[in-house]
Amino acid sequence: MDFLRHTYATMMLEMDVHLTTIQKHVGHSSIRVTSDIYSHLSNRIQDTAGAAMDSVLAPRLAPYAKPDPDASTARSRDAQ
């Protein structure tokens, strides 16, 4: 039955439920236990975190980006 608790906690993390709430729902004695068990995160959580960082950093880094030579080739091909 531990796999059901683990699945439940992982799904809650993916829905952005706070770790202390999950800790109480699954009955861990401390937040550290919950954090240690679920610190591996799922691919979905990692993808969401990456997308969030991209949305924050991309506009700030755009002025420093080097032009992509492949992009200009694609544009000239599309214009024909």
N, C-alpha and C. Protein backbone atom coordinates (compact mmCIF):
# COMPACT_ATOMS: atom_id res chain seq x y z
N MET A 1 0.81 -1.21 0.00
CA MET A 1 0.00 0.00 0.00
C MET A 1 0.84 1.27 0.00
N ASP A 2 2.14 1.13 0.30
CA ASP A 2 3.00 2.31 0.27
C ASP A 2 3.04 2.95 -1.11
N PHE A 3 2.90 2.13 -2.16
CA PHE A 3 2.95 2.70 -3.51
C PHE A 3 1.78 3.64 -3.75
N LEU A 4 0.62 3.38 -3.12
CA LEU A 4 -0.52 4.30 -3.27
C LEU A 4 -0.24 5.63 -2.60
N ARG A 5 0.38 5.57 -1.43
CA ARG A 5 0.73 6.81 -0.73
C ARG A 5 1.76 7.60 -1.52
N HIS A 6 2.74 6.88 -2.08
CA HIS A 6 3.77 7.53 -2.89
C HIS A 6 3.16 8.16 -4.15
N THR A 7 2.28 7.43 -4.81
CA THR A 7 1.61 7.96 -6.00
C THR A 7 0.79 9.19 -5.65
N TYR A 8 0.03 9.11 -4.56
CA TYR A 8 -0.79 10.23 -4.10
C TYR A 8 0.08 11.46 -3.84
N ALA A 9 1.16 11.28 -3.10
CA ALA A 9 2.03 12.40 -2.76
C ALA A 9 2.67 13.00 -4.02
N THR A 10 3.10 12.16 -4.95
CA THR A 10 3.70 12.66 -6.19
C THR A 10 2.69 13.45 -7.00
N MET A 11 1.47 12.94 -7.10
CA MET A 11 0.43 13.66 -7.85
C MET A 11 0.12 15.00 -7.19
N MET A 12 0.10 15.03 -5.87
CA MET A 12 -0.16 16.28 -5.17
C MET A 12 0.96 17.29 -5.45
N LEU A 13 2.22 16.83 -5.45
CA LEU A 13 3.33 17.71 -5.77
C LEU A 13 3.17 18.28 -7.18
N GLU A 14 2.77 17.43 -8.12
CA GLU A 14 2.59 17.89 -9.50
C GLU A 14 1.48 18.91 -9.63
N MET A 15 0.55 18.93 -8.68
CA MET A 15 -0.54 19.91 -8.68
C MET A 15 -0.20 21.12 -7.82
N ASP A 16 1.09 21.27 -7.49
CA ASP A 16 1.59 22.41 -6.71
C ASP A 16 1.02 22.50 -5.30
N VAL A 17 0.65 21.37 -4.71
CA VAL A 17 0.22 21.37 -3.32
C VAL A 17 1.47 21.52 -2.47
N HIS A 18 1.39 22.37 -1.46
CA HIS A 18 2.54 22.66 -0.61
C HIS A 18 2.99 21.41 0.13
N LEU A 19 4.29 21.27 0.30
CA LEU A 19 4.89 20.08 0.91
C LEU A 19 4.38 19.82 2.33
N THR A 20 4.11 20.88 3.11
CA THR A 20 3.61 20.66 4.47
C THR A 20 2.21 20.06 4.46
N THR A 21 1.41 20.41 3.47
CA THR A 21 0.08 19.81 3.35
C THR A 21 0.21 18.33 3.01
N ILE A 22 1.10 18.01 2.08
CA ILE A 22 1.33 16.61 1.72
C ILE A 22 1.83 15.83 2.93
N GLN A 23 2.73 16.43 3.68
CA GLN A 23 3.27 15.78 4.88
C GLN A 23 2.14 15.37 5.83
N LYS A 24 1.20 16.26 6.04
CA LYS A 24 0.09 15.97 6.94
C LYS A 24 -0.83 14.90 6.35
N HIS A 25 -1.07 14.96 5.05
CA HIS A 25 -1.96 13.98 4.41
C HIS A 25 -1.40 12.57 4.44
N VAL A 26 -0.10 12.43 4.25
CA VAL A 26 0.49 11.09 4.20
C VAL A 26 0.97 10.60 5.57
N GLY A 27 0.92 11.48 6.57
CA GLY A 27 1.21 11.08 7.94
C GLY A 27 2.68 11.01 8.32
N HIS A 28 3.51 11.77 7.64
CA HIS A 28 4.92 11.79 8.02
C HIS A 28 5.10 12.60 9.29
N SER A 29 6.09 12.20 10.09
CA SER A 29 6.31 12.86 11.38
C SER A 29 6.90 14.26 11.24
N SER A 30 7.59 14.51 10.13
CA SER A 30 8.17 15.84 9.93
C SER A 30 8.24 16.16 8.43
N ILE A 31 8.40 17.42 8.14
CA ILE A 31 8.51 17.87 6.75
C ILE A 31 9.79 17.32 6.13
N ARG A 32 10.80 17.11 6.95
CA ARG A 32 12.07 16.58 6.45
C ARG A 32 11.90 15.18 5.87
N VAL A 33 11.11 14.35 6.52
CA VAL A 33 10.85 13.01 6.00
C VAL A 33 10.21 13.10 4.63
N THR A 34 9.19 13.94 4.50
CA THR A 34 8.49 14.11 3.22
C THR A 34 9.45 14.63 2.16
N SER A 35 10.23 15.63 2.51
CA SER A 35 11.18 16.22 1.57
C SER A 35 12.23 15.20 1.12
N ASP A 36 12.74 14.43 2.06
CA ASP A 36 13.76 13.43 1.72
C ASP A 36 13.20 12.37 0.77
N ILE A 37 11.97 11.96 0.98
CA ILE A 37 11.37 10.91 0.15
C ILE A 37 11.03 11.42 -1.23
N TYR A 38 10.50 12.64 -1.33
CA TYR A 38 10.00 13.14 -2.61
C TYR A 38 10.90 14.17 -3.27
N SER A 39 12.15 14.25 -2.83
CA SER A 39 13.07 15.23 -3.41
C SER A 39 13.49 14.88 -4.83
N HIS A 40 13.22 13.66 -5.26
CA HIS A 40 13.60 13.24 -6.62
C HIS A 40 12.77 13.95 -7.68
N LEU A 41 11.59 14.40 -7.34
CA LEU A 41 10.67 15.09 -8.25
C LEU A 41 10.36 14.28 -9.51
N SER A 42 9.25 14.60 -10.10
CA SER A 42 8.86 13.93 -11.34
C SER A 42 9.34 14.73 -12.53
N ASN A 43 9.35 14.13 -13.70
CA ASN A 43 9.74 14.84 -14.92
C ASN A 43 8.83 16.03 -15.17
N ARG A 44 7.55 15.89 -14.87
CA ARG A 44 6.60 16.98 -15.09
C ARG A 44 6.95 18.19 -14.23
N ILE A 45 7.31 17.96 -12.98
CA ILE A 45 7.69 19.06 -12.08
C ILE A 45 8.97 19.72 -12.59
N GLN A 46 9.93 18.92 -13.02
CA GLN A 46 11.17 19.47 -13.55
C GLN A 46 10.91 20.28 -14.82
N ASP A 47 10.05 19.78 -15.70
CA ASP A 47 9.71 20.51 -16.92
C ASP A 47 9.02 21.84 -16.61
N THR A 48 8.12 21.81 -15.63
CA THR A 48 7.43 23.03 -15.23
C THR A 48 8.41 24.06 -14.66
N ALA A 49 9.34 23.59 -13.85
CA ALA A 49 10.34 24.49 -13.28
C ALA A 49 11.22 25.08 -14.37
N GLY A 50 11.62 24.25 -15.34
CA GLY A 50 12.44 24.73 -16.45
C GLY A 50 11.71 25.76 -17.29
N ALA A 51 10.44 25.51 -17.57
CA ALA A 51 9.64 26.46 -18.36
C ALA A 51 9.46 27.78 -17.61
N ALA A 52 9.29 27.69 -16.30
CA ALA A 52 9.15 28.92 -15.50
C ALA A 52 10.42 29.75 -15.55
N MET A 53 11.57 29.09 -15.44
CA MET A 53 12.84 29.82 -15.52
C MET A 53 13.05 30.40 -16.91
N ASP A 54 12.69 29.66 -17.94
CA ASP A 54 12.80 30.17 -19.32
C ASP A 54 11.97 31.43 -19.49
N SER A 55 10.75 31.41 -18.98
CA SER A 55 9.87 32.57 -19.16
C SER A 55 10.40 33.80 -18.42
N VAL A 56 11.11 33.58 -17.32
CA VAL A 56 11.67 34.70 -16.56
C VAL A 56 12.97 35.19 -17.19
N LEU A 57 13.83 34.26 -17.60
CA LEU A 57 15.16 34.64 -18.07
C LEU A 57 15.22 35.03 -19.55
N ALA A 58 14.42 34.41 -20.38
CA ALA A 58 14.51 34.65 -21.83
C ALA A 58 14.40 36.14 -22.20
N PRO A 59 13.42 36.86 -21.68
CA PRO A 59 13.34 38.29 -22.04
C PRO A 59 14.55 39.10 -21.57
N ARG A 60 15.10 38.70 -20.44
CA ARG A 60 16.25 39.43 -19.89
C ARG A 60 17.55 39.11 -20.63
N LEU A 61 17.63 37.91 -21.18
CA LEU A 61 18.85 37.49 -21.87
C LEU A 61 18.81 37.76 -23.37
N ALA A 62 17.66 38.06 -23.92
CA ALA A 62 17.52 38.27 -25.36
C ALA A 62 18.49 39.31 -25.92
N PRO A 63 18.72 40.43 -25.24
CA PRO A 63 19.66 41.41 -25.81
C PRO A 63 21.09 40.88 -25.94
N TYR A 64 21.42 39.84 -25.19
CA TYR A 64 22.77 39.30 -25.20
C TYR A 64 22.92 38.07 -26.10
N ALA A 65 21.82 37.61 -26.66
CA ALA A 65 21.85 36.39 -27.48
C ALA A 65 22.54 36.65 -28.81
N LYS A 66 23.30 35.66 -29.25
CA LYS A 66 23.95 35.75 -30.55
C LYS A 66 22.96 35.32 -31.62
N PRO A 67 22.98 35.95 -32.78
CA PRO A 67 22.05 35.55 -33.84
C PRO A 67 22.30 34.11 -34.26
N ASP A 68 21.24 33.40 -34.56
CA ASP A 68 21.31 32.01 -35.01
C ASP A 68 21.45 32.01 -36.52
N PRO A 69 22.59 31.58 -37.06
CA PRO A 69 22.78 31.61 -38.52
C PRO A 69 21.79 30.71 -39.25
N ASP A 70 21.35 29.64 -38.63
CA ASP A 70 20.36 28.76 -39.24
C ASP A 70 19.01 29.44 -39.38
N ALA A 71 18.69 30.33 -38.45
CA ALA A 71 17.40 31.03 -38.50
C ALA A 71 17.33 31.96 -39.70
N SER A 72 18.41 32.65 -40.02
CA SER A 72 18.37 33.54 -41.19
C SER A 72 18.28 32.76 -42.48
N THR A 73 18.88 31.60 -42.55
CA THR A 73 18.77 30.74 -43.72
C THR A 73 17.34 30.27 -43.88
N ALA A 74 16.70 29.91 -42.79
CA ALA A 74 15.30 29.46 -42.85
C ALA A 74 14.40 30.59 -43.28
N ARG A 75 14.64 31.82 -42.80
CA ARG A 75 13.81 32.97 -43.20
C ARG A 75 13.94 33.25 -44.67
N SER A 76 15.17 33.20 -45.22
CA SER A 76 15.34 33.49 -46.64
C SER A 76 14.71 32.40 -47.49
N ARG A 77 14.72 31.17 -47.01
CA ARG A 77 14.07 30.07 -47.72
C ARG A 77 12.56 30.27 -47.71
N ASP A 78 12.00 30.71 -46.58
CA ASP A 78 10.57 30.91 -46.46
C ASP A 78 10.09 32.06 -47.34
N ALA A 79 10.93 33.06 -47.57
CA ALA A 79 10.56 34.23 -48.36
C ALA A 79 10.43 33.89 -49.84
N GLN A 80 11.08 32.80 -50.28
CA GLN A 80 11.05 32.46 -51.70
C GLN A 80 9.78 31.84 -52.10
